[in-house]
Amino acid sequence: MKDCIFCKIINKEIPSEIVYEDEKVIAFNDINPAAPIHILVVPKKHIETLIDISDEDSSIIAHIYQTINKIAIERKFANNGFRVIANCGKDSGQEVMHIHFHVLGGKKLGDKIV
């Protein structure tokens, strides 16, 4: 999509602090971090919300979680733990209509799920 900020990051039209990239996904530091570690993992295929994931897209979602694990291990926050959040739709707080997964870590996040 032309106006999608994540598509622009994927296409290198907007700079970002990329922490991981392969043929299916891109991961970059959030510009407004909610924790010391706040990485967004985004599929390169434009999918608006979690509801829009097709059967064909299921392998992309599995790859996203494998990528999250790889990043957590490489950046050495896997052992202490981390949180993965995916919002779906405007009422959930999804601000960019391109699915993305927030990876939060680097401190004790507490019992409250945000």
PDB file of N, CA and C in Angstrom:
ATOM      1  N   MET A   1       0.839  -1.191   0.000  1.00  0.00           N
ATOM      2  CA  MET A   1       0.000   0.000   0.000  1.00  0.00           C
ATOM      3  C   MET A   1       0.877   1.244   0.000  1.00  0.00           C
ATOM      4  N   LYS A   2       0.527   2.203  -0.780  1.00  0.00           N
ATOM      5  CA  LYS A   2       1.324   3.408  -0.957  1.00  0.00           C
ATOM      6  C   LYS A   2       1.519   4.209   0.333  1.00  0.00           C
ATOM      7  N   ASP A   3       0.461   4.409   1.095  1.00  0.00           N
ATOM      8  CA  ASP A   3       0.515   5.296   2.249  1.00  0.00           C
ATOM      9  C   ASP A   3       0.895   4.593   3.549  1.00  0.00           C
ATOM     10  N   CYS A   4       1.122   3.314   3.521  1.00  0.00           N
ATOM     11  CA  CYS A   4       1.438   2.552   4.726  1.00  0.00           C
ATOM     12  C   CYS A   4       2.881   2.840   5.159  1.00  0.00           C
ATOM     13  N   ILE A   5       3.030   3.330   6.381  1.00  0.00           N
ATOM     14  CA  ILE A   5       4.368   3.673   6.868  1.00  0.00           C
ATOM     15  C   ILE A   5       5.269   2.439   6.938  1.00  0.00           C
ATOM     16  N   PHE A   6       4.704   1.281   7.289  1.00  0.00           N
ATOM     17  CA  PHE A   6       5.534   0.074   7.356  1.00  0.00           C
ATOM     18  C   PHE A   6       5.961  -0.372   5.961  1.00  0.00           C
ATOM     19  N   CYS A   7       5.097  -0.219   4.975  1.00  0.00           N
ATOM     20  CA  CYS A   7       5.489  -0.544   3.597  1.00  0.00           C
ATOM     21  C   CYS A   7       6.610   0.380   3.139  1.00  0.00           C
ATOM     22  N   LYS A   8       6.556   1.637   3.562  1.00  0.00           N
ATOM     23  CA  LYS A   8       7.617   2.587   3.210  1.00  0.00           C
ATOM     24  C   LYS A   8       8.932   2.207   3.886  1.00  0.00           C
ATOM     25  N   ILE A   9       8.861   1.713   5.129  1.00  0.00           N
ATOM     26  CA  ILE A   9      10.076   1.237   5.803  1.00  0.00           C
ATOM     27  C   ILE A   9      10.619   0.003   5.089  1.00  0.00           C
ATOM     28  N   ILE A  10       9.734  -0.914   4.741  1.00  0.00           N
ATOM     29  CA  ILE A  10      10.132  -2.130   4.025  1.00  0.00           C
ATOM     30  C   ILE A  10      10.823  -1.776   2.706  1.00  0.00           C
ATOM     31  N   ASN A  11      10.287  -0.772   2.008  1.00  0.00           N
ATOM     32  CA  ASN A  11      10.829  -0.347   0.714  1.00  0.00           C
ATOM     33  C   ASN A  11      11.992   0.637   0.841  1.00  0.00           C
ATOM     34  N   LYS A  12      12.438   0.882   2.093  1.00  0.00           N
ATOM     35  CA  LYS A  12      13.569   1.775   2.381  1.00  0.00           C
ATOM     36  C   LYS A  12      13.302   3.217   1.955  1.00  0.00           C
ATOM     37  N   GLU A  13      12.027   3.613   1.931  1.00  0.00           N
ATOM     38  CA  GLU A  13      11.660   4.993   1.643  1.00  0.00           C
ATOM     39  C   GLU A  13      11.737   5.851   2.902  1.00  0.00           C
ATOM     40  N   ILE A  14      11.658   5.198   4.064  1.00  0.00           N
ATOM     41  CA  ILE A  14      11.758   5.866   5.359  1.00  0.00           C
ATOM     42  C   ILE A  14      12.848   5.136   6.141  1.00  0.00           C
ATOM     43  N   PRO A  15      13.801   5.880   6.704  1.00  0.00           N
ATOM     44  CA  PRO A  15      14.859   5.213   7.476  1.00  0.00           C
ATOM     45  C   PRO A  15      14.325   4.650   8.792  1.00  0.00           C
ATOM     46  N   SER A  16      14.950   3.586   9.250  1.00  0.00           N
ATOM     47  CA  SER A  16      14.616   2.989  10.546  1.00  0.00           C
ATOM     48  C   SER A  16      15.833   2.230  11.047  1.00  0.00           C
ATOM     49  N   GLU A  17      15.833   1.938  12.347  1.00  0.00           N
ATOM     50  CA  GLU A  17      16.908   1.143  12.941  1.00  0.00           C
ATOM     51  C   GLU A  17      16.565  -0.331  12.787  1.00  0.00           C
ATOM     52  N   ILE A  18      16.962  -0.904  11.672  1.00  0.00           N
ATOM     53  CA  ILE A  18      16.640  -2.302  11.376  1.00  0.00           C
ATOM     54  C   ILE A  18      17.522  -3.211  12.229  1.00  0.00           C
ATOM     55  N   VAL A  19      16.878  -4.155  12.909  1.00  0.00           N
ATOM     56  CA  VAL A  19      17.628  -5.112  13.726  1.00  0.00           C
ATOM     57  C   VAL A  19      17.668  -6.494  13.078  1.00  0.00           C
ATOM     58  N   TYR A  20      16.779  -6.729  12.106  1.00  0.00           N
ATOM     59  CA  TYR A  20      16.757  -8.018  11.411  1.00  0.00           C
ATOM     60  C   TYR A  20      15.959  -7.837  10.120  1.00  0.00           C
ATOM     61  N   GLU A  21      16.394  -8.541   9.078  1.00  0.00           N
ATOM     62  CA  GLU A  21      15.641  -8.528   7.830  1.00  0.00           C
ATOM     63  C   GLU A  21      15.957  -9.781   7.040  1.00  0.00           C
ATOM     64  N   ASP A  22      14.924 -10.363   6.439  1.00  0.00           N
ATOM     65  CA  ASP A  22      15.101 -11.452   5.484  1.00  0.00           C
ATOM     66  C   ASP A  22      14.043 -11.286   4.401  1.00  0.00           C
ATOM     67  N   GLU A  23      13.819 -12.292   3.613  1.00  0.00           N
ATOM     68  CA  GLU A  23      12.899 -12.163   2.477  1.00  0.00           C
ATOM     69  C   GLU A  23      11.437 -12.027   2.894  1.00  0.00           C
ATOM     70  N   LYS A  24      11.094 -12.442   4.137  1.00  0.00           N
ATOM     71  CA  LYS A  24       9.696 -12.423   4.566  1.00  0.00           C
ATOM     72  C   LYS A  24       9.348 -11.343   5.572  1.00  0.00           C
ATOM     73  N   VAL A  25      10.319 -10.931   6.385  1.00  0.00           N
ATOM     74  CA  VAL A  25      10.032  -9.996   7.472  1.00  0.00           C
ATOM     75  C   VAL A  25      11.114  -8.941   7.617  1.00  0.00           C
ATOM     76  N   ILE A  26      10.736  -7.876   8.320  1.00  0.00           N
ATOM     77  CA  ILE A  26      11.687  -6.856   8.733  1.00  0.00           C
ATOM     78  C   ILE A  26      11.398  -6.563  10.206  1.00  0.00           C
ATOM     79  N   ALA A  27      12.443  -6.314  10.970  1.00  0.00           N
ATOM     80  CA  ALA A  27      12.291  -5.979  12.385  1.00  0.00           C
ATOM     81  C   ALA A  27      13.107  -4.727  12.652  1.00  0.00           C
ATOM     82  N   PHE A  28      12.521  -3.807  13.394  1.00  0.00           N
ATOM     83  CA  PHE A  28      13.198  -2.542  13.667  1.00  0.00           C
ATOM     84  C   PHE A  28      12.785  -2.013  15.031  1.00  0.00           C
ATOM     85  N   ASN A  29      13.613  -1.139  15.575  1.00  0.00           N
ATOM     86  CA  ASN A  29      13.325  -0.541  16.874  1.00  0.00           C
ATOM     87  C   ASN A  29      12.149   0.426  16.749  1.00  0.00           C
ATOM     88  N   ASP A  30      11.248   0.353  17.728  1.00  0.00           N
ATOM     89  CA  ASP A  30      10.102   1.260  17.780  1.00  0.00           C
ATOM     90  C   ASP A  30      10.602   2.678  18.073  1.00  0.00           C
ATOM     91  N   ILE A  31      10.037   3.668  17.394  1.00  0.00           N
ATOM     92  CA  ILE A  31      10.498   5.046  17.617  1.00  0.00           C
ATOM     93  C   ILE A  31       9.968   5.626  18.926  1.00  0.00           C
ATOM     94  N   ASN A  32       8.948   5.015  19.511  1.00  0.00           N
ATOM     95  CA  ASN A  32       8.410   5.423  20.811  1.00  0.00           C
ATOM     96  C   ASN A  32       8.394   4.215  21.730  1.00  0.00           C
ATOM     97  N   PRO A  33       9.564   3.784  22.201  1.00  0.00           N
ATOM     98  CA  PRO A  33       9.630   2.528  22.961  1.00  0.00           C
ATOM     99  C   PRO A  33       8.867   2.570  24.275  1.00  0.00           C
ATOM    100  N   ALA A  34       8.179   1.467  24.565  1.00  0.00           N
ATOM    101  CA  ALA A  34       7.448   1.302  25.820  1.00  0.00           C
ATOM    102  C   ALA A  34       8.274   0.514  26.838  1.00  0.00           C
ATOM    103  N   ALA A  35       9.448   0.066  26.452  1.00  0.00           N
ATOM    104  CA  ALA A  35      10.352  -0.699  27.312  1.00  0.00           C
ATOM    105  C   ALA A  35      11.761  -0.499  26.769  1.00  0.00           C
ATOM    106  N   PRO A  36      12.798  -0.854  27.556  1.00  0.00           N
ATOM    107  CA  PRO A  36      14.166  -0.704  27.057  1.00  0.00           C
ATOM    108  C   PRO A  36      14.396  -1.418  25.712  1.00  0.00           C
ATOM    109  N   ILE A  37      13.764  -2.555  25.544  1.00  0.00           N
ATOM    110  CA  ILE A  37      13.775  -3.253  24.253  1.00  0.00           C
ATOM    111  C   ILE A  37      12.352  -3.186  23.720  1.00  0.00           C
ATOM    112  N   HIS A  38      12.185  -2.579  22.568  1.00  0.00           N
ATOM    113  CA  HIS A  38      10.865  -2.507  21.929  1.00  0.00           C
ATOM    114  C   HIS A  38      11.097  -2.575  20.425  1.00  0.00           C
ATOM    115  N   ILE A  39      10.929  -3.778  19.912  1.00  0.00           N
ATOM    116  CA  ILE A  39      11.183  -4.066  18.504  1.00  0.00           C
ATOM    117  C   ILE A  39       9.860  -4.413  17.832  1.00  0.00           C
ATOM    118  N   LEU A  40       9.660  -3.892  16.637  1.00  0.00           N
ATOM    119  CA  LEU A  40       8.494  -4.261  15.838  1.00  0.00           C
ATOM    120  C   LEU A  40       8.931  -5.267  14.784  1.00  0.00           C
ATOM    121  N   VAL A  41       8.195  -6.359  14.683  1.00  0.00           N
ATOM    122  CA  VAL A  41       8.455  -7.370  13.658  1.00  0.00           C
ATOM    123  C   VAL A  41       7.263  -7.339  12.709  1.00  0.00           C
ATOM    124  N   VAL A  42       7.565  -7.094  11.426  1.00  0.00           N
ATOM    125  CA  VAL A  42       6.536  -6.807  10.433  1.00  0.00           C
ATOM    126  C   VAL A  42       6.729  -7.709   9.217  1.00  0.00           C
ATOM    127  N   PRO A  43       5.658  -8.357   8.754  1.00  0.00           N
ATOM    128  CA  PRO A  43       5.806  -9.120   7.500  1.00  0.00           C
ATOM    129  C   PRO A  43       5.960  -8.162   6.324  1.00  0.00           C
ATOM    130  N   LYS A  44       6.748  -8.545   5.353  1.00  0.00           N
ATOM    131  CA  LYS A  44       6.914  -7.704   4.165  1.00  0.00           C
ATOM    132  C   LYS A  44       5.652  -7.696   3.302  1.00  0.00           C
ATOM    133  N   LYS A  45       4.872  -8.753   3.384  1.00  0.00           N
ATOM    134  CA  LYS A  45       3.591  -8.780   2.687  1.00  0.00           C
ATOM    135  C   LYS A  45       2.621  -7.896   3.469  1.00  0.00           C
ATOM    136  N   HIS A  46       1.938  -7.005   2.784  1.00  0.00           N
ATOM    137  CA  HIS A  46       0.976  -6.129   3.454  1.00  0.00           C
ATOM    138  C   HIS A  46      -0.287  -6.921   3.802  1.00  0.00           C
ATOM    139  N   ILE A  47      -0.516  -7.069   5.088  1.00  0.00           N
ATOM    140  CA  ILE A  47      -1.734  -7.689   5.610  1.00  0.00           C
ATOM    141  C   ILE A  47      -2.249  -6.694   6.642  1.00  0.00           C
ATOM    142  N   GLU A  48      -3.467  -6.202   6.490  1.00  0.00           N
ATOM    143  CA  GLU A  48      -3.932  -5.113   7.347  1.00  0.00           C
ATOM    144  C   GLU A  48      -4.081  -5.493   8.812  1.00  0.00           C
ATOM    145  N   THR A  49      -4.840  -6.541   9.113  1.00  0.00           N
ATOM    146  CA  THR A  49      -5.074  -6.916  10.509  1.00  0.00           C
ATOM    147  C   THR A  49      -4.930  -8.426  10.661  1.00  0.00           C
ATOM    148  N   LEU A  50      -4.928  -8.874  11.896  1.00  0.00           N
ATOM    149  CA  LEU A  50      -4.845 -10.315  12.148  1.00  0.00           C
ATOM    150  C   LEU A  50      -6.028 -11.057  11.530  1.00  0.00           C
ATOM    151  N   ILE A  51      -7.174 -10.417  11.466  1.00  0.00           N
ATOM    152  CA  ILE A  51      -8.371 -11.024  10.862  1.00  0.00           C
ATOM    153  C   ILE A  51      -8.156 -11.303   9.371  1.00  0.00           C
ATOM    154  N   ASP A  52      -7.269 -10.550   8.737  1.00  0.00           N
ATOM    155  CA  ASP A  52      -7.041 -10.673   7.300  1.00  0.00           C
ATOM    156  C   ASP A  52      -6.013 -11.744   6.923  1.00  0.00           C
ATOM    157  N   ILE A  53      -5.496 -12.466   7.901  1.00  0.00           N
ATOM    158  CA  ILE A  53      -4.512 -13.517   7.614  1.00  0.00           C
ATOM    159  C   ILE A  53      -5.209 -14.679   6.910  1.00  0.00           C
ATOM    160  N   SER A  54      -4.706 -15.044   5.757  1.00  0.00           N
ATOM    161  CA  SER A  54      -5.279 -16.155   4.984  1.00  0.00           C
ATOM    162  C   SER A  54      -4.549 -17.453   5.326  1.00  0.00           C
ATOM    163  N   ASP A  55      -5.082 -18.556   4.846  1.00  0.00           N
ATOM    164  CA  ASP A  55      -4.408 -19.848   5.034  1.00  0.00           C
ATOM    165  C   ASP A  55      -3.003 -19.807   4.454  1.00  0.00           C
ATOM    166  N   GLU A  56      -2.848 -19.129   3.316  1.00  0.00           N
ATOM    167  CA  GLU A  56      -1.541 -19.037   2.677  1.00  0.00           C
ATOM    168  C   GLU A  56      -0.549 -18.226   3.519  1.00  0.00           C
ATOM    169  N   ASP A  57      -1.079 -17.335   4.355  1.00  0.00           N
ATOM    170  CA  ASP A  57      -0.218 -16.482   5.186  1.00  0.00           C
ATOM    171  C   ASP A  57       0.251 -17.164   6.471  1.00  0.00           C
ATOM    172  N   SER A  58      -0.266 -18.320   6.787  1.00  0.00           N
ATOM    173  CA  SER A  58       0.069 -18.958   8.071  1.00  0.00           C
ATOM    174  C   SER A  58       1.570 -19.235   8.203  1.00  0.00           C
ATOM    175  N   SER A  59       2.238 -19.520   7.106  1.00  0.00           N
ATOM    176  CA  SER A  59       3.679 -19.761   7.183  1.00  0.00           C
ATOM    177  C   SER A  59       4.437 -18.471   7.519  1.00  0.00           C
ATOM    178  N   ILE A  60       3.906 -17.329   7.090  1.00  0.00           N
ATOM    179  CA  ILE A  60       4.526 -16.048   7.428  1.00  0.00           C
ATOM    180  C   ILE A  60       4.432 -15.808   8.932  1.00  0.00           C
ATOM    181  N   ILE A  61       3.284 -16.127   9.513  1.00  0.00           N
ATOM    182  CA  ILE A  61       3.090 -15.913  10.955  1.00  0.00           C
ATOM    183  C   ILE A  61       4.032 -16.821  11.746  1.00  0.00           C
ATOM    184  N   ALA A  62       4.156 -18.054  11.339  1.00  0.00           N
ATOM    185  CA  ALA A  62       5.110 -18.954  12.007  1.00  0.00           C
ATOM    186  C   ALA A  62       6.523 -18.400  11.885  1.00  0.00           C
ATOM    187  N   HIS A  63       6.859 -17.882  10.721  1.00  0.00           N
ATOM    188  CA  HIS A  63       8.189 -17.310  10.499  1.00  0.00           C
ATOM    189  C   HIS A  63       8.421 -16.085  11.398  1.00  0.00           C
ATOM    190  N   ILE A  64       7.380 -15.295  11.612  1.00  0.00           N
ATOM    191  CA  ILE A  64       7.496 -14.135  12.499  1.00  0.00           C
ATOM    192  C   ILE A  64       7.891 -14.590  13.900  1.00  0.00           C
ATOM    193  N   TYR A  65       7.229 -15.598  14.426  1.00  0.00           N
ATOM    194  CA  TYR A  65       7.562 -16.076  15.771  1.00  0.00           C
ATOM    195  C   TYR A  65       8.957 -16.700  15.827  1.00  0.00           C
ATOM    196  N   GLN A  66       9.360 -17.382  14.779  1.00  0.00           N
ATOM    197  CA  GLN A  66      10.731 -17.908  14.726  1.00  0.00           C
ATOM    198  C   GLN A  66      11.739 -16.762  14.696  1.00  0.00           C
ATOM    199  N   THR A  67      11.406 -15.705  13.979  1.00  0.00           N
ATOM    200  CA  THR A  67      12.266 -14.520  13.918  1.00  0.00           C
ATOM    201  C   THR A  67      12.366 -13.848  15.281  1.00  0.00           C
ATOM    202  N   ILE A  68      11.241 -13.737  15.970  1.00  0.00           N
ATOM    203  CA  ILE A  68      11.241 -13.149  17.316  1.00  0.00           C
ATOM    204  C   ILE A  68      12.186 -13.935  18.219  1.00  0.00           C
ATOM    205  N   ASN A  69      12.108 -15.244  18.180  1.00  0.00           N
ATOM    206  CA  ASN A  69      12.999 -16.077  18.995  1.00  0.00           C
ATOM    207  C   ASN A  69      14.461 -15.852  18.623  1.00  0.00           C
ATOM    208  N   LYS A  70      14.739 -15.792  17.338  1.00  0.00           N
ATOM    209  CA  LYS A  70      16.106 -15.574  16.853  1.00  0.00           C
ATOM    210  C   LYS A  70      16.642 -14.236  17.364  1.00  0.00           C
ATOM    211  N   ILE A  71      15.831 -13.186  17.266  1.00  0.00           N
ATOM    212  CA  ILE A  71      16.241 -11.860  17.731  1.00  0.00           C
ATOM    213  C   ILE A  71      16.496 -11.885  19.239  1.00  0.00           C
ATOM    214  N   ALA A  72      15.592 -12.504  19.988  1.00  0.00           N
ATOM    215  CA  ALA A  72      15.727 -12.565  21.453  1.00  0.00           C
ATOM    216  C   ALA A  72      17.005 -13.287  21.862  1.00  0.00           C
ATOM    217  N   ILE A  73      17.342 -14.341  21.169  1.00  0.00           N
ATOM    218  CA  ILE A  73      18.566 -15.090  21.482  1.00  0.00           C
ATOM    219  C   ILE A  73      19.794 -14.280  21.083  1.00  0.00           C
ATOM    220  N   GLU A  74      19.801 -13.742  19.865  1.00  0.00           N
ATOM    221  CA  GLU A  74      20.956 -12.978  19.380  1.00  0.00           C
ATOM    222  C   GLU A  74      21.204 -11.727  20.208  1.00  0.00           C
ATOM    223  N   ARG A  75      20.136 -11.076  20.669  1.00  0.00           N
ATOM    224  CA  ARG A  75      20.272  -9.828  21.433  1.00  0.00           C
ATOM    225  C   ARG A  75      20.308 -10.076  22.941  1.00  0.00           C
ATOM    226  N   LYS A  76      20.312 -11.356  23.297  1.00  0.00           N
ATOM    227  CA  LYS A  76      20.537 -11.804  24.678  1.00  0.00           C
ATOM    228  C   LYS A  76      19.487 -11.327  25.681  1.00  0.00           C
ATOM    229  N   PHE A  77      18.214 -11.320  25.265  1.00  0.00           N
ATOM    230  CA  PHE A  77      17.153 -11.063  26.232  1.00  0.00           C
ATOM    231  C   PHE A  77      16.172 -12.231  26.339  1.00  0.00           C
ATOM    232  N   ALA A  78      16.483 -13.329  25.676  1.00  0.00           N
ATOM    233  CA  ALA A  78      15.605 -14.506  25.710  1.00  0.00           C
ATOM    234  C   ALA A  78      15.516 -15.112  27.103  1.00  0.00           C
ATOM    235  N   ASN A  79      16.634 -15.231  27.793  1.00  0.00           N
ATOM    236  CA  ASN A  79      16.644 -15.891  29.098  1.00  0.00           C
ATOM    237  C   ASN A  79      15.858 -15.142  30.163  1.00  0.00           C
ATOM    238  N   ASN A  80      15.862 -13.815  30.094  1.00  0.00           N
ATOM    239  CA  ASN A  80      15.126 -13.033  31.090  1.00  0.00           C
ATOM    240  C   ASN A  80      13.649 -12.905  30.753  1.00  0.00           C
ATOM    241  N   GLY A  81      13.285 -13.195  29.535  1.00  0.00           N
ATOM    242  CA  GLY A  81      11.885 -13.143  29.122  1.00  0.00           C
ATOM    243  C   GLY A  81      11.539 -11.873  28.372  1.00  0.00           C
ATOM    244  N   PHE A  82      10.420 -11.949  27.681  1.00  0.00           N
ATOM    245  CA  PHE A  82       9.940 -10.830  26.873  1.00  0.00           C
ATOM    246  C   PHE A  82       8.462 -11.026  26.614  1.00  0.00           C
ATOM    247  N   ARG A  83       7.835  -9.995  26.123  1.00  0.00           N
ATOM    248  CA  ARG A  83       6.403 -10.033  25.819  1.00  0.00           C
ATOM    249  C   ARG A  83       6.219  -9.746  24.339  1.00  0.00           C
ATOM    250  N   VAL A  84       5.255 -10.448  23.720  1.00  0.00           N
ATOM    251  CA  VAL A  84       4.901 -10.211  22.323  1.00  0.00           C
ATOM    252  C   VAL A  84       3.442  -9.763  22.296  1.00  0.00           C
ATOM    253  N   ILE A  85       3.199  -8.631  21.653  1.00  0.00           N
ATOM    254  CA  ILE A  85       1.847  -8.079  21.568  1.00  0.00           C
ATOM    255  C   ILE A  85       1.507  -7.836  20.107  1.00  0.00           C
ATOM    256  N   ALA A  86       0.312  -8.265  19.713  1.00  0.00           N
ATOM    257  CA  ALA A  86      -0.210  -7.964  18.379  1.00  0.00           C
ATOM    258  C   ALA A  86      -1.616  -7.408  18.558  1.00  0.00           C
ATOM    259  N   ASN A  87      -1.818  -6.171  18.165  1.00  0.00           N
ATOM    260  CA  ASN A  87      -3.133  -5.548  18.248  1.00  0.00           C
ATOM    261  C   ASN A  87      -3.889  -5.814  16.950  1.00  0.00           C
ATOM    262  N   CYS A  88      -5.224  -5.863  17.057  1.00  0.00           N
ATOM    263  CA  CYS A  88      -6.044  -6.132  15.871  1.00  0.00           C
ATOM    264  C   CYS A  88      -7.178  -5.118  15.804  1.00  0.00           C
ATOM    265  N   GLY A  89      -7.038  -4.178  14.903  1.00  0.00           N
ATOM    266  CA  GLY A  89      -8.084  -3.184  14.685  1.00  0.00           C
ATOM    267  C   GLY A  89      -7.942  -1.950  15.557  1.00  0.00           C
ATOM    268  N   LYS A  90      -8.698  -0.931  15.205  1.00  0.00           N
ATOM    269  CA  LYS A  90      -8.590   0.366  15.862  1.00  0.00           C
ATOM    270  C   LYS A  90      -8.909   0.316  17.354  1.00  0.00           C
ATOM    271  N   ASP A  91      -9.943  -0.430  17.765  1.00  0.00           N
ATOM    272  CA  ASP A  91     -10.312  -0.479  19.183  1.00  0.00           C
ATOM    273  C   ASP A  91      -9.238  -1.122  20.046  1.00  0.00           C
ATOM    274  N   SER A  92      -8.363  -1.904  19.460  1.00  0.00           N
ATOM    275  CA  SER A  92      -7.283  -2.549  20.222  1.00  0.00           C
ATOM    276  C   SER A  92      -6.087  -1.621  20.389  1.00  0.00           C
ATOM    277  N   GLY A  93      -6.075  -0.544  19.616  1.00  0.00           N
ATOM    278  CA  GLY A  93      -4.936   0.366  19.626  1.00  0.00           C
ATOM    279  C   GLY A  93      -4.032   0.210  18.420  1.00  0.00           C
ATOM    280  N   GLN A  94      -4.435  -0.608  17.444  1.00  0.00           N
ATOM    281  CA  GLN A  94      -3.622  -0.751  16.236  1.00  0.00           C
ATOM    282  C   GLN A  94      -3.647   0.570  15.477  1.00  0.00           C
ATOM    283  N   GLU A  95      -2.500   1.229  15.412  1.00  0.00           N
ATOM    284  CA  GLU A  95      -2.413   2.535  14.771  1.00  0.00           C
ATOM    285  C   GLU A  95      -2.014   2.434  13.305  1.00  0.00           C
ATOM    286  N   VAL A  96      -1.222   1.427  12.958  1.00  0.00           N
ATOM    287  CA  VAL A  96      -0.804   1.221  11.569  1.00  0.00           C
ATOM    288  C   VAL A  96      -1.516  -0.032  11.071  1.00  0.00           C
ATOM    289  N   MET A  97      -2.275   0.114   9.992  1.00  0.00           N
ATOM    290  CA  MET A  97      -3.048  -1.001   9.464  1.00  0.00           C
ATOM    291  C   MET A  97      -2.186  -1.875   8.551  1.00  0.00           C
ATOM    292  N   HIS A  98      -1.217  -2.505   9.194  1.00  0.00           N
ATOM    293  CA  HIS A  98      -0.308  -3.488   8.594  1.00  0.00           C
ATOM    294  C   HIS A  98       0.117  -4.315   9.800  1.00  0.00           C
ATOM    295  N   ILE A  99      -0.208  -5.606   9.810  1.00  0.00           N
ATOM    296  CA  ILE A  99       0.051  -6.378  11.029  1.00  0.00           C
ATOM    297  C   ILE A  99       1.506  -6.244  11.451  1.00  0.00           C
ATOM    298  N   HIS A 100       1.683  -6.209  12.758  1.00  0.00           N
ATOM    299  CA  HIS A 100       3.020  -6.099  13.329  1.00  0.00           C
ATOM    300  C   HIS A 100       2.974  -6.627  14.753  1.00  0.00           C
ATOM    301  N   PHE A 101       4.115  -7.077  15.199  1.00  0.00           N
ATOM    302  CA  PHE A 101       4.238  -7.702  16.505  1.00  0.00           C
ATOM    303  C   PHE A 101       5.236  -6.896  17.327  1.00  0.00           C
ATOM    304  N   HIS A 102       4.782  -6.410  18.475  1.00  0.00           N
ATOM    305  CA  HIS A 102       5.642  -5.670  19.397  1.00  0.00           C
ATOM    306  C   HIS A 102       6.380  -6.676  20.266  1.00  0.00           C
ATOM    307  N   VAL A 103       7.682  -6.578  20.331  1.00  0.00           N
ATOM    308  CA  VAL A 103       8.500  -7.407  21.210  1.00  0.00           C
ATOM    309  C   VAL A 103       9.059  -6.473  22.279  1.00  0.00           C
ATOM    310  N   LEU A 104       8.647  -6.702  23.529  1.00  0.00           N
ATOM    311  CA  LEU A 104       9.034  -5.844  24.640  1.00  0.00           C
ATOM    312  C   LEU A 104       9.877  -6.628  25.632  1.00  0.00           C
ATOM    313  N   GLY A 105      10.944  -6.013  26.106  1.00  0.00           N
ATOM    314  CA  GLY A 105      11.791  -6.666  27.089  1.00  0.00           C
ATOM    315  C   GLY A 105      12.794  -5.694  27.662  1.00  0.00           C
ATOM    316  N   GLY A 106      13.769  -6.251  28.374  1.00  0.00           N
ATOM    317  CA  GLY A 106      14.823  -5.433  28.937  1.00  0.00           C
ATOM    318  C   GLY A 106      14.544  -4.956  30.345  1.00  0.00           C
ATOM    319  N   LYS A 107      13.382  -5.315  30.888  1.00  0.00           N
ATOM    320  CA  LYS A 107      13.044  -4.992  32.275  1.00  0.00           C
ATOM    321  C   LYS A 107      11.896  -5.892  32.694  1.00  0.00           C
ATOM    322  N   LYS A 108      11.634  -5.962  33.988  1.00  0.00           N
ATOM    323  CA  LYS A 108      10.471  -6.712  34.472  1.00  0.00           C
ATOM    324  C   LYS A 108       9.237  -5.948  34.050  1.00  0.00           C
ATOM    325  N   LEU A 109       8.384  -6.602  33.288  1.00  0.00           N
ATOM    326  CA  LEU A 109       7.222  -5.934  32.724  1.00  0.00           C
ATOM    327  C   LEU A 109       6.020  -5.971  33.660  1.00  0.00           C
ATOM    328  N   GLY A 110       6.067  -6.786  34.683  1.00  0.00           N
ATOM    329  CA  GLY A 110       4.968  -6.837  35.633  1.00  0.00           C
ATOM    330  C   GLY A 110       3.904  -7.824  35.217  1.00  0.00           C
ATOM    331  N   ASP A 111       2.907  -7.941  36.067  1.00  0.00           N
ATOM    332  CA  ASP A 111       1.846  -8.909  35.852  1.00  0.00           C
ATOM    333  C   ASP A 111       0.730  -8.384  34.954  1.00  0.00           C
ATOM    334  N   LYS A 112       0.654  -7.071  34.854  1.00  0.00           N
ATOM    335  CA  LYS A 112      -0.412  -6.468  34.053  1.00  0.00           C
ATOM    336  C   LYS A 112      -0.103  -6.685  32.577  1.00  0.00           C
ATOM    337  N   ILE A 113      -1.083  -7.182  31.870  1.00  0.00           N
ATOM    338  CA  ILE A 113      -0.929  -7.360  30.424  1.00  0.00           C
ATOM    339  C   ILE A 113      -1.451  -6.104  29.753  1.00  0.00           C
ATOM    340  N   VAL A 114      -0.590  -5.512  28.955  1.00  0.00           N
ATOM    341  CA  VAL A 114      -0.941  -4.239  28.300  1.00  0.00           C
ATOM    342  C   VAL A 114      -1.139  -4.474  26.823  1.00  0.00           C
TER     343      VAL A 114
END
